[in-house]
Amino acid sequence: MPATAMPGRWEHIGNINDPKIQGLGRWAVAEHVKQAGGRLRFIKVVLGTVQVVSGFNYRLVVEALNGAGKKDAYKVEVYEAAANKRRKLISFAPVAEEA
């Protein structure tokens, strides 16, 4: 996350390979599987933005293997509270559905 992030403004995540960002993506895939079922296996976060609010909103593009072993991309939105670091999965959808 940029050190100079402006509250309310979406900022590009410069180091997408940061373990925290990759961990958020891994958590989002696991949470989606827990909530919706199915078989997805996290590969990596490939793109992302962050918004500083009363915590942090993350919009990530993650790659995951589906149940058939095919790699797909998903657009994910996660909120992480500043005070207790609790996370909430806001949305999770295949990138192709957004066209």
N, C-alpha and C. Protein backbone atom coordinates (compact mmCIF):
# COMPACT_ATOMS: atom_id res chain seq x y z
N MET A 1 0.85 -1.18 0.00
CA MET A 1 0.00 0.00 0.00
C MET A 1 0.89 1.24 0.00
N PRO A 2 0.55 2.24 -0.81
CA PRO A 2 1.36 3.45 -0.84
C PRO A 2 1.38 4.14 0.52
N ALA A 3 2.54 4.60 0.92
CA ALA A 3 2.68 5.29 2.20
C ALA A 3 1.91 6.61 2.20
N THR A 4 1.68 7.18 1.02
CA THR A 4 1.01 8.47 0.91
C THR A 4 -0.45 8.34 0.47
N ALA A 5 -1.07 7.21 0.73
CA ALA A 5 -2.45 6.98 0.30
C ALA A 5 -3.37 8.04 0.89
N MET A 6 -4.19 8.62 0.03
CA MET A 6 -5.16 9.63 0.44
C MET A 6 -6.45 8.95 0.85
N PRO A 7 -7.01 9.31 2.00
CA PRO A 7 -8.28 8.72 2.42
C PRO A 7 -9.35 8.90 1.33
N GLY A 8 -10.07 7.82 1.04
CA GLY A 8 -11.15 7.85 0.07
C GLY A 8 -10.74 7.65 -1.37
N ARG A 9 -9.47 7.77 -1.66
CA ARG A 9 -8.99 7.67 -3.04
C ARG A 9 -8.44 6.26 -3.31
N TRP A 10 -8.80 5.68 -4.45
CA TRP A 10 -8.26 4.37 -4.83
C TRP A 10 -6.84 4.55 -5.35
N GLU A 11 -5.92 3.76 -4.81
CA GLU A 11 -4.50 3.82 -5.19
C GLU A 11 -4.06 2.46 -5.71
N HIS A 12 -3.23 2.47 -6.74
CA HIS A 12 -2.64 1.25 -7.27
C HIS A 12 -1.72 0.62 -6.22
N ILE A 13 -1.78 -0.69 -6.07
CA ILE A 13 -0.87 -1.39 -5.17
C ILE A 13 0.41 -1.65 -5.93
N GLY A 14 1.48 -0.98 -5.55
CA GLY A 14 2.75 -1.07 -6.27
C GLY A 14 3.41 -2.43 -6.17
N ASN A 15 3.46 -3.00 -4.98
CA ASN A 15 4.12 -4.29 -4.78
C ASN A 15 3.05 -5.37 -4.61
N ILE A 16 2.56 -5.86 -5.73
CA ILE A 16 1.50 -6.87 -5.70
C ILE A 16 2.00 -8.18 -5.10
N ASN A 17 3.31 -8.38 -5.05
CA ASN A 17 3.88 -9.61 -4.48
C ASN A 17 4.09 -9.52 -2.98
N ASP A 18 3.72 -8.40 -2.37
CA ASP A 18 3.82 -8.26 -0.92
C ASP A 18 3.06 -9.42 -0.27
N PRO A 19 3.66 -10.09 0.71
CA PRO A 19 2.99 -11.22 1.36
C PRO A 19 1.61 -10.87 1.92
N LYS A 20 1.41 -9.64 2.40
CA LYS A 20 0.09 -9.24 2.92
C LYS A 20 -0.95 -9.25 1.81
N ILE A 21 -0.60 -8.76 0.64
CA ILE A 21 -1.54 -8.71 -0.49
C ILE A 21 -1.84 -10.12 -0.99
N GLN A 22 -0.81 -10.94 -1.12
CA GLN A 22 -1.02 -12.32 -1.55
C GLN A 22 -1.87 -13.07 -0.51
N GLY A 23 -1.63 -12.77 0.76
CA GLY A 23 -2.43 -13.37 1.83
C GLY A 23 -3.89 -12.96 1.76
N LEU A 24 -4.15 -11.70 1.42
CA LEU A 24 -5.53 -11.24 1.26
C LEU A 24 -6.23 -12.00 0.13
N GLY A 25 -5.52 -12.21 -0.96
CA GLY A 25 -6.09 -12.96 -2.08
C GLY A 25 -6.37 -14.40 -1.70
N ARG A 26 -5.42 -15.02 -1.01
CA ARG A 26 -5.59 -16.41 -0.56
C ARG A 26 -6.81 -16.50 0.38
N TRP A 27 -6.90 -15.54 1.32
CA TRP A 27 -8.03 -15.52 2.25
C TRP A 27 -9.35 -15.35 1.50
N ALA A 28 -9.39 -14.45 0.50
CA ALA A 28 -10.63 -14.19 -0.25
C ALA A 28 -11.11 -15.45 -0.97
N VAL A 29 -10.19 -16.19 -1.58
CA VAL A 29 -10.58 -17.42 -2.26
C VAL A 29 -11.13 -18.43 -1.25
N ALA A 30 -10.43 -18.60 -0.14
CA ALA A 30 -10.88 -19.54 0.90
C ALA A 30 -12.24 -19.13 1.46
N GLU A 31 -12.44 -17.85 1.69
CA GLU A 31 -13.71 -17.35 2.23
C GLU A 31 -14.84 -17.57 1.22
N HIS A 32 -14.56 -17.34 -0.05
CA HIS A 32 -15.57 -17.57 -1.09
C HIS A 32 -15.97 -19.05 -1.12
N VAL A 33 -14.99 -19.93 -1.06
CA VAL A 33 -15.28 -21.37 -1.06
C VAL A 33 -16.12 -21.73 0.16
N LYS A 34 -15.78 -21.14 1.32
CA LYS A 34 -16.52 -21.40 2.55
C LYS A 34 -17.98 -20.94 2.43
N GLN A 35 -18.18 -19.77 1.81
CA GLN A 35 -19.53 -19.19 1.71
C GLN A 35 -20.36 -19.81 0.59
N ALA A 36 -19.73 -20.04 -0.56
CA ALA A 36 -20.48 -20.44 -1.75
C ALA A 36 -20.26 -21.89 -2.17
N GLY A 37 -19.30 -22.54 -1.54
CA GLY A 37 -18.99 -23.90 -1.95
C GLY A 37 -18.12 -23.90 -3.20
N GLY A 38 -18.03 -25.02 -3.82
CA GLY A 38 -17.21 -25.11 -5.03
C GLY A 38 -15.78 -25.48 -4.70
N ARG A 39 -15.01 -25.60 -5.75
CA ARG A 39 -13.62 -25.99 -5.58
C ARG A 39 -12.73 -25.01 -6.33
N LEU A 40 -12.18 -24.08 -5.62
CA LEU A 40 -11.20 -23.15 -6.17
C LEU A 40 -9.92 -23.27 -5.37
N ARG A 41 -8.81 -23.14 -6.06
CA ARG A 41 -7.52 -23.16 -5.38
C ARG A 41 -6.74 -21.92 -5.78
N PHE A 42 -6.39 -21.11 -4.81
CA PHE A 42 -5.67 -19.86 -5.02
C PHE A 42 -4.34 -20.10 -5.71
N ILE A 43 -4.03 -19.23 -6.70
CA ILE A 43 -2.71 -19.23 -7.34
C ILE A 43 -1.96 -17.98 -6.91
N LYS A 44 -2.48 -16.78 -7.30
CA LYS A 44 -1.82 -15.54 -6.93
C LYS A 44 -2.71 -14.34 -7.21
N VAL A 45 -2.37 -13.22 -6.58
CA VAL A 45 -2.98 -11.92 -6.88
C VAL A 45 -2.16 -11.32 -8.01
N VAL A 46 -2.82 -10.84 -9.06
CA VAL A 46 -2.10 -10.30 -10.21
C VAL A 46 -2.23 -8.78 -10.35
N LEU A 47 -3.21 -8.19 -9.68
CA LEU A 47 -3.46 -6.76 -9.82
C LEU A 47 -4.27 -6.29 -8.62
N GLY A 48 -4.12 -5.03 -8.24
CA GLY A 48 -4.92 -4.57 -7.13
C GLY A 48 -4.86 -3.07 -6.89
N THR A 49 -5.91 -2.59 -6.20
CA THR A 49 -5.98 -1.21 -5.74
C THR A 49 -6.45 -1.24 -4.29
N VAL A 50 -6.15 -0.16 -3.58
CA VAL A 50 -6.54 -0.05 -2.18
C VAL A 50 -7.14 1.34 -1.93
N GLN A 51 -8.12 1.39 -1.05
CA GLN A 51 -8.76 2.64 -0.65
C GLN A 51 -8.74 2.72 0.87
N VAL A 52 -8.22 3.85 1.38
CA VAL A 52 -8.20 4.06 2.82
C VAL A 52 -9.54 4.65 3.23
N VAL A 53 -10.22 3.95 4.13
CA VAL A 53 -11.49 4.41 4.71
C VAL A 53 -11.32 4.24 6.22
N SER A 54 -12.34 3.81 6.93
CA SER A 54 -12.15 3.48 8.35
C SER A 54 -11.62 2.06 8.41
N GLY A 55 -10.55 1.87 7.72
CA GLY A 55 -9.93 0.57 7.46
C GLY A 55 -9.43 0.63 6.03
N PHE A 56 -9.50 -0.49 5.33
CA PHE A 56 -9.00 -0.53 3.96
C PHE A 56 -9.94 -1.36 3.08
N ASN A 57 -10.28 -0.81 1.92
CA ASN A 57 -10.98 -1.57 0.89
C ASN A 57 -9.93 -2.00 -0.13
N TYR A 58 -9.98 -3.25 -0.51
CA TYR A 58 -9.06 -3.78 -1.52
C TYR A 58 -9.88 -4.30 -2.68
N ARG A 59 -9.48 -3.94 -3.89
CA ARG A 59 -10.02 -4.53 -5.12
C ARG A 59 -8.85 -5.29 -5.75
N LEU A 60 -9.01 -6.59 -5.84
CA LEU A 60 -7.94 -7.44 -6.33
C LEU A 60 -8.42 -8.28 -7.51
N VAL A 61 -7.49 -8.59 -8.40
CA VAL A 61 -7.72 -9.60 -9.41
C VAL A 61 -6.85 -10.78 -9.02
N VAL A 62 -7.50 -11.91 -8.77
CA VAL A 62 -6.78 -13.11 -8.36
C VAL A 62 -6.93 -14.19 -9.41
N GLU A 63 -5.91 -15.00 -9.51
CA GLU A 63 -5.97 -16.19 -10.35
C GLU A 63 -6.18 -17.39 -9.43
N ALA A 64 -7.04 -18.31 -9.87
CA ALA A 64 -7.32 -19.52 -9.10
C ALA A 64 -7.64 -20.65 -10.06
N LEU A 65 -7.36 -21.86 -9.62
CA LEU A 65 -7.73 -23.05 -10.39
C LEU A 65 -9.15 -23.44 -10.01
N ASN A 66 -9.99 -23.67 -11.04
CA ASN A 66 -11.35 -24.11 -10.75
C ASN A 66 -11.37 -25.62 -10.54
N GLY A 67 -12.54 -26.18 -10.32
CA GLY A 67 -12.67 -27.61 -10.05
C GLY A 67 -12.17 -28.50 -11.17
N ALA A 68 -12.17 -27.99 -12.40
CA ALA A 68 -11.69 -28.76 -13.55
C ALA A 68 -10.19 -28.57 -13.77
N GLY A 69 -9.54 -27.81 -12.90
CA GLY A 69 -8.10 -27.57 -13.04
C GLY A 69 -7.75 -26.47 -14.03
N LYS A 70 -8.74 -25.68 -14.45
CA LYS A 70 -8.52 -24.58 -15.38
C LYS A 70 -8.25 -23.29 -14.60
N LYS A 71 -7.25 -22.53 -15.05
CA LYS A 71 -6.93 -21.26 -14.40
C LYS A 71 -7.93 -20.19 -14.86
N ASP A 72 -8.55 -19.52 -13.89
CA ASP A 72 -9.49 -18.44 -14.16
C ASP A 72 -9.10 -17.22 -13.33
N ALA A 73 -9.56 -16.04 -13.77
CA ALA A 73 -9.32 -14.80 -13.03
C ALA A 73 -10.63 -14.36 -12.38
N TYR A 74 -10.49 -13.81 -11.18
CA TYR A 74 -11.66 -13.36 -10.41
C TYR A 74 -11.40 -11.97 -9.87
N LYS A 75 -12.44 -11.15 -9.91
CA LYS A 75 -12.37 -9.82 -9.31
C LYS A 75 -12.95 -9.91 -7.91
N VAL A 76 -12.16 -9.48 -6.94
CA VAL A 76 -12.48 -9.66 -5.53
C VAL A 76 -12.46 -8.30 -4.84
N GLU A 77 -13.39 -8.08 -3.93
CA GLU A 77 -13.35 -6.89 -3.08
C GLU A 77 -13.40 -7.34 -1.63
N VAL A 78 -12.44 -6.84 -0.86
CA VAL A 78 -12.30 -7.20 0.56
C VAL A 78 -12.21 -5.92 1.38
N TYR A 79 -12.90 -5.90 2.51
CA TYR A 79 -12.74 -4.80 3.48
C TYR A 79 -11.98 -5.35 4.67
N GLU A 80 -10.99 -4.59 5.14
CA GLU A 80 -10.24 -4.96 6.34
C GLU A 80 -10.32 -3.80 7.32
N ALA A 81 -10.88 -4.07 8.50
CA ALA A 81 -11.02 -3.04 9.54
C ALA A 81 -9.66 -2.65 10.08
N ALA A 82 -9.48 -1.37 10.36
CA ALA A 82 -8.20 -0.88 10.87
C ALA A 82 -7.96 -1.32 12.31
N ALA A 83 -9.00 -1.27 13.13
CA ALA A 83 -8.83 -1.52 14.56
C ALA A 83 -8.50 -2.97 14.88
N ASN A 84 -9.23 -3.91 14.30
CA ASN A 84 -9.06 -5.30 14.70
C ASN A 84 -8.61 -6.22 13.57
N LYS A 85 -8.38 -5.66 12.40
CA LYS A 85 -7.91 -6.41 11.22
C LYS A 85 -8.91 -7.46 10.74
N ARG A 86 -10.16 -7.38 11.18
CA ARG A 86 -11.17 -8.31 10.68
C ARG A 86 -11.43 -8.03 9.21
N ARG A 87 -11.68 -9.09 8.48
CA ARG A 87 -11.90 -8.99 7.05
C ARG A 87 -13.32 -9.39 6.69
N LYS A 88 -13.82 -8.76 5.63
CA LYS A 88 -15.14 -9.11 5.11
C LYS A 88 -15.03 -9.20 3.59
N LEU A 89 -15.50 -10.31 3.03
CA LEU A 89 -15.53 -10.47 1.59
C LEU A 89 -16.76 -9.74 1.06
N ILE A 90 -16.54 -8.70 0.28
CA ILE A 90 -17.64 -7.88 -0.24
C ILE A 90 -18.18 -8.47 -1.55
N SER A 91 -17.28 -8.83 -2.45
CA SER A 91 -17.71 -9.42 -3.72
C SER A 91 -16.63 -10.35 -4.26
N PHE A 92 -17.09 -11.29 -5.09
CA PHE A 92 -16.19 -12.27 -5.69
C PHE A 92 -16.87 -12.72 -6.98
N ALA A 93 -16.29 -12.39 -8.13
CA ALA A 93 -16.93 -12.74 -9.39
C ALA A 93 -15.87 -13.02 -10.46
N PRO A 94 -16.18 -13.96 -11.36
CA PRO A 94 -15.26 -14.18 -12.48
C PRO A 94 -15.10 -12.90 -13.28
N VAL A 95 -13.90 -12.62 -13.73
CA VAL A 95 -13.63 -11.41 -14.50
C VAL A 95 -14.49 -11.38 -15.77
N ALA A 96 -14.68 -12.51 -16.42
CA ALA A 96 -15.44 -12.58 -17.67
C ALA A 96 -16.89 -12.11 -17.50
N GLU A 97 -17.48 -12.29 -16.31
CA GLU A 97 -18.87 -11.89 -16.08
C GLU A 97 -19.05 -10.39 -16.07
N GLU A 98 -17.97 -9.63 -15.93
CA GLU A 98 -18.10 -8.19 -15.81
C GLU A 98 -18.06 -7.48 -17.16
N ALA A 99 -17.87 -8.21 -18.24
CA ALA A 99 -17.77 -7.60 -19.57
C ALA A 99 -19.11 -7.08 -20.02
